[in-house]
C-alpha atoms as a PDB file:
ATOM      1  CA  MET A   1      34.655  84.893 153.229  1.00  0.00           C
ATOM      2  CA  GLY A   2      33.533  85.346 156.742  1.00  0.00           C
ATOM      3  CA  TYR A   3      34.268  81.716 157.392  1.00  0.00           C
ATOM      4  CA  ALA A   4      37.906  82.148 156.176  1.00  0.00           C
ATOM      5  CA  ALA A   5      38.336  85.198 158.385  1.00  0.00           C
ATOM      6  CA  GLN A   6      37.097  83.284 161.416  1.00  0.00           C
ATOM      7  CA  ALA A   7      39.433  80.361 160.644  1.00  0.00           C
ATOM      8  CA  MET A   8      42.454  82.653 160.337  1.00  0.00           C
ATOM      9  CA  LYS A   9      41.500  84.415 163.569  1.00  0.00           C
ATOM     10  CA  LYS A  10      41.273  81.074 165.360  1.00  0.00           C
ATOM     11  CA  VAL A  11      44.714  79.979 164.033  1.00  0.00           C
ATOM     12  CA  HIS A  12      46.334  83.272 165.034  1.00  0.00           C
ATOM     13  CA  GLU A  13      44.948  83.123 168.577  1.00  0.00           C
ATOM     14  CA  ASN A  14      47.493  80.424 169.524  1.00  0.00           C
ATOM     15  CA  MET A  15      50.444  82.140 167.846  1.00  0.00           C
ATOM     16  CA  ASP A  16      52.927  84.267 169.737  1.00  0.00           C
ATOM     17  CA  LEU A  17      55.100  86.593 167.666  1.00  0.00           C
ATOM     18  CA  ASN A  18      58.080  86.105 170.015  1.00  0.00           C
ATOM     19  CA  LYS A  19      57.913  82.322 169.609  1.00  0.00           C
ATOM     20  CA  ILE A  20      57.699  82.672 165.827  1.00  0.00           C
ATOM     21  CA  ASP A  21      60.657  85.052 165.804  1.00  0.00           C
ATOM     22  CA  ASP A  22      62.728  82.640 167.964  1.00  0.00           C
ATOM     23  CA  LEU A  23      61.792  79.737 165.688  1.00  0.00           C
ATOM     24  CA  MET A  24      62.810  81.657 162.569  1.00  0.00           C
ATOM     25  CA  GLN A  25      66.120  82.597 164.200  1.00  0.00           C
ATOM     26  CA  GLU A  26      66.846  78.929 165.055  1.00  0.00           C
ATOM     27  CA  ILE A  27      66.036  77.885 161.479  1.00  0.00           C
ATOM     28  CA  THR A  28      68.399  80.546 160.127  1.00  0.00           C
ATOM     29  CA  GLU A  29      71.194  79.392 162.476  1.00  0.00           C
ATOM     30  CA  GLN A  30      70.759  75.763 161.404  1.00  0.00           C
ATOM     31  CA  GLN A  31      70.838  76.787 157.745  1.00  0.00           C
ATOM     32  CA  ASP A  32      74.125  78.621 158.401  1.00  0.00           C
ATOM     33  CA  VAL A  33      75.600  75.519 160.080  1.00  0.00           C
ATOM     34  CA  ALA A  34      74.475  73.357 157.157  1.00  0.00           C
ATOM     35  CA  GLN A  35      76.111  75.787 154.713  1.00  0.00           C
ATOM     36  CA  GLU A  36      79.404  75.726 156.660  1.00  0.00           C
ATOM     37  CA  ILE A  37      79.397  71.935 156.611  1.00  0.00           C
ATOM     38  CA  SER A  38      78.669  71.906 152.883  1.00  0.00           C
ATOM     39  CA  ASP A  39      81.510  74.378 152.246  1.00  0.00           C
ATOM     40  CA  ALA A  40      83.931  72.314 154.332  1.00  0.00           C
ATOM     41  CA  ILE A  41      83.076  69.131 152.465  1.00  0.00           C
ATOM     42  CA  SER A  42      83.335  70.715 149.025  1.00  0.00           C
ATOM     43  CA  ASN A  43      86.698  72.379 149.815  1.00  0.00           C
ATOM     44  CA  ARG A  44      88.308  69.045 150.762  1.00  0.00           C
ATOM     45  CA  ALA A  45      88.572  68.136 147.080  1.00  0.00           C
ATOM     46  CA  ALA A  46      91.520  70.551 146.728  1.00  0.00           C
ATOM     47  CA  PHE A  47      93.291  69.139 149.807  1.00  0.00           C
ATOM     48  CA  GLY A  48      96.193  67.578 147.887  1.00  0.00           C
ATOM     49  CA  ASP A  49      96.988  70.753 145.954  1.00  0.00           C
ATOM     50  CA  ASP A  50      98.335  72.541 149.035  1.00  0.00           C
ATOM     51  CA  PHE A  51     101.413  70.291 149.443  1.00  0.00           C
ATOM     52  CA  ASP A  52     104.635  69.956 147.503  1.00  0.00           C
ATOM     53  CA  GLU A  53     105.128  66.315 146.537  1.00  0.00           C
ATOM     54  CA  ASP A  54     108.945  66.575 146.511  1.00  0.00           C
ATOM     55  CA  GLU A  55     108.910  68.006 150.021  1.00  0.00           C
ATOM     56  CA  LEU A  56     106.675  65.172 151.231  1.00  0.00           C
ATOM     57  CA  MET A  57     108.933  62.550 149.621  1.00  0.00           C
ATOM     58  CA  ALA A  58     112.007  64.081 151.273  1.00  0.00           C
ATOM     59  CA  GLU A  59     110.276  63.992 154.651  1.00  0.00           C
ATOM     60  CA  LEU A  60     109.267  60.355 154.082  1.00  0.00           C
ATOM     61  CA  GLU A  61     112.859  59.422 153.252  1.00  0.00           C
ATOM     62  CA  GLU A  62     114.056  61.120 156.445  1.00  0.00           C
ATOM     63  CA  LEU A  63     111.551  59.170 158.514  1.00  0.00           C
ATOM     64  CA  GLU A  64     112.543  55.897 156.846  1.00  0.00           C
ATOM     65  CA  GLN A  65     116.234  56.614 157.507  1.00  0.00           C
ATOM     66  CA  GLU A  66     115.476  57.365 161.170  1.00  0.00           C
ATOM     67  CA  GLU A  67     113.693  54.016 161.470  1.00  0.00           C
ATOM     68  CA  LEU A  68     116.641  52.233 159.856  1.00  0.00           C
ATOM     69  CA  ASN A  69     119.084  53.976 162.192  1.00  0.00           C
ATOM     70  CA  LYS A  70     116.962  53.154 165.209  1.00  0.00           C
ATOM     71  CA  GLY A  71     116.830  49.485 164.193  1.00  0.00           C
ATOM     72  CA  THR A  72     120.610  49.127 163.815  1.00  0.00           C
ATOM     73  CA  ARG A  73     121.350  50.677 167.200  1.00  0.00           C
ATOM     74  CA  ASP A  74     119.451  47.941 169.019  1.00  0.00           C
ATOM     75  CA  VAL A  75     121.237  45.010 167.325  1.00  0.00           C
ATOM     76  CA  ARG A  76     124.113  43.436 169.247  1.00  0.00           C
ATOM     77  CA  LEU A  77     126.589  41.576 167.124  1.00  0.00           C
ATOM     78  CA  PRO A  78     128.619  38.673 168.532  1.00  0.00           C
ATOM     79  CA  SER A  79     132.280  39.269 169.316  1.00  0.00           C
ATOM     80  CA  VAL A  80     134.911  37.948 166.934  1.00  0.00           C
ATOM     81  CA  PRO A  81     136.926  34.997 168.328  1.00  0.00           C
ATOM     82  CA  SER A  82     140.492  35.948 169.283  1.00  0.00           C
ATOM     83  CA  THR A  83     141.966  32.462 168.685  1.00  0.00           C
ATOM     84  CA  SER A  84     142.829  31.187 165.234  1.00  0.00           C
ATOM     85  CA  LEU A  85     140.498  28.715 163.649  1.00  0.00           C
ATOM     86  CA  PRO A  86     141.673  25.164 162.898  1.00  0.00           C
ATOM     87  CA  SER A  87     142.856  24.532 159.353  1.00  0.00           C
ATOM     88  CA  ARG A  88     140.413  21.628 158.920  1.00  0.00           C
ATOM     89  CA  PRO A  89     137.037  21.219 160.466  1.00  0.00           C
ATOM     90  CA  ALA A  90     137.099  18.851 163.425  1.00  0.00           C
ATOM     91  CA  SER A  91     134.872  16.231 161.761  1.00  0.00           C
ATOM     92  CA  THR A  92     137.169  15.986 158.701  1.00  0.00           C
ATOM     93  CA  ARG A  93     140.242  15.759 160.915  1.00  0.00           C
ATOM     94  CA  LYS A  94     138.583  13.031 163.004  1.00  0.00           C
ATOM     95  CA  ARG A  95     137.710  11.065 159.856  1.00  0.00           C
ATOM     96  CA  ALA A  96     141.335  11.301 158.637  1.00  0.00           C
ATOM     97  CA  GLU A  97     142.598  10.070 162.025  1.00  0.00           C
ATOM     98  CA  ASP A  98     140.133   7.167 161.938  1.00  0.00           C
ATOM     99  CA  GLU A  99     141.276   6.193 158.443  1.00  0.00           C
ATOM    100  CA  ASP A 100     144.933   6.276 159.552  1.00  0.00           C
ATOM    101  CA  GLU A 101     144.164   4.028 162.508  1.00  0.00           C
ATOM    102  CA  MET A 102     142.206   1.619 160.259  1.00  0.00           C
ATOM    103  CA  LYS A 103     145.212   1.379 157.923  1.00  0.00           C
ATOM    104  CA  LYS A 104     147.501   0.664 160.904  1.00  0.00           C
ATOM    105  CA  LEU A 105     145.072  -1.967 162.167  1.00  0.00           C
ATOM    106  CA  ALA A 106     144.833  -3.576 158.714  1.00  0.00           C
ATOM    107  CA  ALA A 107     148.636  -3.607 158.428  1.00  0.00           C
ATOM    108  CA  TRP A 108     148.984  -5.222 161.859  1.00  0.00           C
ATOM    109  CA  ALA A 109     146.341  -7.838 161.078  1.00  0.00           C
ATOM    110  CA  SER A 110     148.043  -8.933 157.855  1.00  0.00           C
END
């Protein structure tokens, strides 16, 4: 037993009660931080329960409508021509004129 008492006395010689108290206080603070982190992580599971889905959908629709409105404001449309359009497209009219001239040329040649 005397040997155990001497060993404990030797171990306690290098110990300072203030250092041990500071160390215990730091350990307690770190345990508190770890508990706060654990609580924060476990409470995130109920995150979706705090919001009204209909309210979120209405807000989403508003944002989508704003984007659509923003997009149409930037588009410039071409102006409408003020003159009337020809009754036939030019290529069809040209083909009809060419056919008329070919008939006249055929009639002249015969």
